[in-house]
Amino acid sequence: METTKFDIADYLDSEEMIAEYLNTVLEDGNSSDLIVAIGHIAKSIGMTKIAEKTGMSRPSLYKALSDGAKPQFETIMKVLRAIGGQINVKPMSV
């Protein structure tokens, strides 16, 4: 029996799935998890397409969205816009 490595990007095939994934990471994860999640989403859409929309190179995107990366907030915002996402703030329930 042959197995393949699990890649979440293979399952991010709709806007709803992408939004749910990103919202879950925002609620449960930390900043590193968020960066990696945005990278997964960008990969699922296509790094070339995201690079074109952001004006960044593909290697720069891979580097900025890799595990352990610390991209500038401007970079995160560019990629979020390119993947069709946005940040909304709502009051936290205590």
N, C-alpha and C. Protein backbone atom coordinates (compact mmCIF):
# COMPACT_ATOMS: atom_id res chain seq x y z
N MET A 1 0.83 -1.18 0.00
CA MET A 1 0.00 0.00 0.00
C MET A 1 0.88 1.24 0.00
N GLU A 2 0.63 2.10 -0.94
CA GLU A 2 1.41 3.33 -1.06
C GLU A 2 0.61 4.49 -0.46
N THR A 3 1.28 5.31 0.30
CA THR A 3 0.63 6.48 0.88
C THR A 3 1.28 7.75 0.35
N THR A 4 0.54 8.82 0.41
CA THR A 4 1.08 10.11 0.01
C THR A 4 1.02 11.05 1.20
N LYS A 5 1.86 12.04 1.17
CA LYS A 5 1.90 13.01 2.25
C LYS A 5 0.64 13.89 2.19
N PHE A 6 0.02 14.11 3.36
CA PHE A 6 -1.17 14.94 3.45
C PHE A 6 -0.79 16.39 3.17
N ASP A 7 -1.56 17.03 2.32
CA ASP A 7 -1.36 18.45 2.00
C ASP A 7 -2.72 19.14 2.05
N ILE A 8 -2.90 19.99 3.05
CA ILE A 8 -4.18 20.68 3.23
C ILE A 8 -4.56 21.48 2.00
N ALA A 9 -3.58 21.96 1.25
CA ALA A 9 -3.87 22.76 0.06
C ALA A 9 -4.72 21.98 -0.95
N ASP A 10 -4.62 20.66 -0.93
CA ASP A 10 -5.41 19.83 -1.83
C ASP A 10 -6.91 19.89 -1.51
N TYR A 11 -7.26 20.31 -0.30
CA TYR A 11 -8.65 20.32 0.14
C TYR A 11 -9.26 21.72 0.19
N LEU A 12 -8.47 22.73 -0.09
CA LEU A 12 -8.95 24.11 -0.05
C LEU A 12 -9.44 24.48 -1.45
N ASP A 13 -10.57 23.91 -1.81
CA ASP A 13 -11.04 24.01 -3.19
C ASP A 13 -12.28 24.89 -3.37
N SER A 14 -12.66 25.62 -2.33
CA SER A 14 -13.78 26.54 -2.47
C SER A 14 -13.55 27.74 -1.54
N GLU A 15 -14.23 28.83 -1.85
CA GLU A 15 -14.10 30.03 -1.01
C GLU A 15 -14.57 29.74 0.41
N GLU A 16 -15.61 28.93 0.54
CA GLU A 16 -16.14 28.59 1.86
C GLU A 16 -15.14 27.79 2.68
N MET A 17 -14.50 26.82 2.03
CA MET A 17 -13.51 25.99 2.72
C MET A 17 -12.30 26.83 3.13
N ILE A 18 -11.88 27.71 2.25
CA ILE A 18 -10.75 28.59 2.55
C ILE A 18 -11.09 29.49 3.73
N ALA A 19 -12.27 30.09 3.71
CA ALA A 19 -12.69 30.99 4.80
C ALA A 19 -12.77 30.24 6.12
N GLU A 20 -13.35 29.05 6.10
CA GLU A 20 -13.48 28.25 7.33
C GLU A 20 -12.11 27.89 7.89
N TYR A 21 -11.21 27.47 7.02
CA TYR A 21 -9.84 27.13 7.43
C TYR A 21 -9.14 28.33 8.05
N LEU A 22 -9.20 29.46 7.37
CA LEU A 22 -8.53 30.67 7.86
C LEU A 22 -9.14 31.14 9.18
N ASN A 23 -10.45 31.12 9.29
CA ASN A 23 -11.10 31.52 10.54
C ASN A 23 -10.75 30.59 11.70
N THR A 24 -10.65 29.30 11.42
CA THR A 24 -10.27 28.34 12.46
C THR A 24 -8.86 28.62 12.95
N VAL A 25 -7.96 28.88 12.03
CA VAL A 25 -6.58 29.19 12.42
C VAL A 25 -6.52 30.50 13.20
N LEU A 26 -7.29 31.48 12.78
CA LEU A 26 -7.32 32.76 13.51
C LEU A 26 -7.82 32.58 14.94
N GLU A 27 -8.80 31.71 15.12
CA GLU A 27 -9.37 31.48 16.45
C GLU A 27 -8.47 30.63 17.34
N ASP A 28 -7.87 29.60 16.75
CA ASP A 28 -7.17 28.60 17.56
C ASP A 28 -5.65 28.66 17.48
N GLY A 29 -5.12 29.31 16.47
CA GLY A 29 -3.68 29.26 16.24
C GLY A 29 -2.96 30.50 16.73
N ASN A 30 -1.67 30.52 16.43
CA ASN A 30 -0.84 31.69 16.74
C ASN A 30 -0.40 32.34 15.44
N SER A 31 0.44 33.35 15.53
CA SER A 31 0.84 34.08 14.33
C SER A 31 1.59 33.20 13.33
N SER A 32 2.41 32.28 13.82
CA SER A 32 3.12 31.37 12.92
C SER A 32 2.15 30.46 12.18
N ASP A 33 1.14 29.97 12.90
CA ASP A 33 0.13 29.12 12.26
C ASP A 33 -0.62 29.88 11.18
N LEU A 34 -0.91 31.15 11.44
CA LEU A 34 -1.62 31.98 10.47
C LEU A 34 -0.80 32.16 9.19
N ILE A 35 0.48 32.43 9.34
CA ILE A 35 1.35 32.62 8.18
C ILE A 35 1.40 31.34 7.34
N VAL A 36 1.55 30.21 8.00
CA VAL A 36 1.59 28.93 7.29
C VAL A 36 0.25 28.65 6.61
N ALA A 37 -0.86 28.96 7.29
CA ALA A 37 -2.19 28.75 6.71
C ALA A 37 -2.38 29.60 5.46
N ILE A 38 -1.95 30.85 5.51
CA ILE A 38 -2.05 31.72 4.34
C ILE A 38 -1.21 31.14 3.21
N GLY A 39 -0.07 30.56 3.55
CA GLY A 39 0.76 29.88 2.54
C GLY A 39 0.05 28.70 1.92
N HIS A 40 -0.64 27.92 2.73
CA HIS A 40 -1.41 26.78 2.20
C HIS A 40 -2.49 27.25 1.23
N ILE A 41 -3.17 28.32 1.62
CA ILE A 41 -4.23 28.86 0.77
C ILE A 41 -3.64 29.38 -0.54
N ALA A 42 -2.54 30.11 -0.44
CA ALA A 42 -1.89 30.63 -1.65
C ALA A 42 -1.47 29.49 -2.57
N LYS A 43 -0.95 28.42 -1.98
CA LYS A 43 -0.55 27.25 -2.77
C LYS A 43 -1.76 26.62 -3.46
N SER A 44 -2.89 26.56 -2.74
CA SER A 44 -4.08 25.94 -3.33
C SER A 44 -4.61 26.74 -4.51
N ILE A 45 -4.46 28.06 -4.44
CA ILE A 45 -4.91 28.93 -5.53
C ILE A 45 -3.89 28.93 -6.66
N GLY A 46 -2.63 28.89 -6.30
CA GLY A 46 -1.53 28.90 -7.26
C GLY A 46 -0.58 30.05 -6.96
N MET A 47 0.65 29.71 -6.63
CA MET A 47 1.63 30.74 -6.26
C MET A 47 1.90 31.72 -7.40
N THR A 48 1.87 31.24 -8.63
CA THR A 48 2.09 32.14 -9.76
C THR A 48 1.00 33.20 -9.82
N LYS A 49 -0.24 32.77 -9.65
CA LYS A 49 -1.37 33.70 -9.67
C LYS A 49 -1.27 34.70 -8.51
N ILE A 50 -0.92 34.22 -7.32
CA ILE A 50 -0.77 35.10 -6.16
C ILE A 50 0.39 36.06 -6.37
N ALA A 51 1.47 35.57 -6.94
CA ALA A 51 2.62 36.44 -7.22
C ALA A 51 2.23 37.57 -8.16
N GLU A 52 1.46 37.25 -9.19
CA GLU A 52 1.00 38.28 -10.13
C GLU A 52 0.13 39.32 -9.44
N LYS A 53 -0.79 38.86 -8.59
CA LYS A 53 -1.70 39.78 -7.91
C LYS A 53 -1.00 40.66 -6.87
N THR A 54 0.04 40.14 -6.24
CA THR A 54 0.73 40.90 -5.19
C THR A 54 1.91 41.70 -5.72
N GLY A 55 2.40 41.35 -6.90
CA GLY A 55 3.60 42.00 -7.41
C GLY A 55 4.87 41.46 -6.78
N MET A 56 4.76 40.34 -6.10
CA MET A 56 5.92 39.70 -5.48
C MET A 56 6.37 38.53 -6.35
N SER A 57 7.60 38.11 -6.15
CA SER A 57 8.09 36.94 -6.88
C SER A 57 7.64 35.67 -6.17
N ARG A 58 7.56 34.59 -6.91
CA ARG A 58 7.18 33.31 -6.30
C ARG A 58 8.15 32.90 -5.20
N PRO A 59 9.47 32.99 -5.43
CA PRO A 59 10.39 32.62 -4.34
C PRO A 59 10.20 33.48 -3.09
N SER A 60 9.90 34.77 -3.27
CA SER A 60 9.65 35.64 -2.12
C SER A 60 8.41 35.21 -1.36
N LEU A 61 7.38 34.81 -2.10
CA LEU A 61 6.15 34.33 -1.46
C LEU A 61 6.40 33.06 -0.67
N TYR A 62 7.09 32.11 -1.28
CA TYR A 62 7.37 30.86 -0.57
C TYR A 62 8.16 31.15 0.70
N LYS A 63 9.14 32.03 0.61
CA LYS A 63 9.96 32.37 1.78
C LYS A 63 9.13 33.07 2.85
N ALA A 64 8.31 34.04 2.45
CA ALA A 64 7.51 34.82 3.41
C ALA A 64 6.44 33.98 4.08
N LEU A 65 5.96 32.93 3.41
CA LEU A 65 4.85 32.14 3.94
C LEU A 65 5.27 30.77 4.43
N SER A 66 6.55 30.59 4.68
CA SER A 66 7.03 29.30 5.16
C SER A 66 7.00 29.25 6.69
N ASP A 67 7.08 28.05 7.20
CA ASP A 67 7.07 27.85 8.65
C ASP A 67 8.28 28.55 9.27
N GLY A 68 8.03 29.37 10.27
CA GLY A 68 9.10 30.10 10.95
C GLY A 68 9.39 31.47 10.36
N ALA A 69 8.73 31.82 9.25
CA ALA A 69 8.95 33.12 8.62
C ALA A 69 8.31 34.23 9.46
N LYS A 70 8.84 35.41 9.32
CA LYS A 70 8.29 36.58 10.02
C LYS A 70 8.09 37.70 9.00
N PRO A 71 7.09 37.53 8.12
CA PRO A 71 6.87 38.54 7.08
C PRO A 71 6.32 39.84 7.67
N GLN A 72 6.52 40.91 6.92
CA GLN A 72 5.97 42.20 7.33
C GLN A 72 4.44 42.14 7.20
N PHE A 73 3.77 42.95 8.01
CA PHE A 73 2.31 42.98 7.98
C PHE A 73 1.81 43.36 6.59
N GLU A 74 2.51 44.25 5.92
CA GLU A 74 2.13 44.67 4.56
C GLU A 74 2.10 43.46 3.62
N THR A 75 3.06 42.57 3.77
CA THR A 75 3.10 41.36 2.93
C THR A 75 1.89 40.48 3.21
N ILE A 76 1.55 40.30 4.48
CA ILE A 76 0.39 39.50 4.84
C ILE A 76 -0.88 40.10 4.25
N MET A 77 -1.02 41.41 4.33
CA MET A 77 -2.20 42.08 3.80
C MET A 77 -2.28 41.93 2.28
N LYS A 78 -1.16 42.06 1.58
CA LYS A 78 -1.14 41.88 0.12
C LYS A 78 -1.62 40.47 -0.25
N VAL A 79 -1.11 39.48 0.46
CA VAL A 79 -1.47 38.10 0.14
C VAL A 79 -2.92 37.84 0.51
N LEU A 80 -3.37 38.36 1.65
CA LEU A 80 -4.78 38.18 2.02
C LEU A 80 -5.70 38.74 0.95
N ARG A 81 -5.38 39.93 0.45
CA ARG A 81 -6.21 40.51 -0.61
C ARG A 81 -6.18 39.64 -1.87
N ALA A 82 -5.00 39.13 -2.18
CA ALA A 82 -4.84 38.31 -3.39
C ALA A 82 -5.61 36.99 -3.29
N ILE A 83 -5.74 36.46 -2.08
CA ILE A 83 -6.48 35.20 -1.93
C ILE A 83 -7.96 35.44 -1.69
N GLY A 84 -8.35 36.71 -1.70
CA GLY A 84 -9.76 37.04 -1.54
C GLY A 84 -10.21 37.12 -0.10
N GLY A 85 -9.29 37.33 0.81
CA GLY A 85 -9.62 37.39 2.22
C GLY A 85 -9.51 38.79 2.78
N GLN A 86 -10.05 38.94 3.95
CA GLN A 86 -9.95 40.20 4.66
C GLN A 86 -10.01 39.91 6.14
N ILE A 87 -9.59 40.87 6.93
CA ILE A 87 -9.63 40.73 8.37
C ILE A 87 -10.80 41.55 8.90
N ASN A 88 -11.62 40.94 9.71
CA ASN A 88 -12.72 41.61 10.38
C ASN A 88 -12.51 41.48 11.87
N VAL A 89 -12.77 42.54 12.60
CA VAL A 89 -12.62 42.51 14.04
C VAL A 89 -14.01 42.53 14.67
N LYS A 90 -14.21 41.64 15.61
CA LYS A 90 -15.47 41.61 16.34
C LYS A 90 -15.14 41.53 17.83
N PRO A 91 -16.02 42.04 18.66
CA PRO A 91 -15.76 41.97 20.10
C PRO A 91 -15.65 40.51 20.56
N MET A 92 -14.73 40.29 21.47
CA MET A 92 -14.58 38.95 22.04
C MET A 92 -15.61 38.77 23.14
N SER A 93 -16.22 37.62 23.16
CA SER A 93 -17.15 37.34 24.25
C SER A 93 -16.34 36.81 25.42
N VAL A 94 -16.59 37.35 26.58
CA VAL A 94 -15.81 36.99 27.76
C VAL A 94 -16.49 35.93 28.57
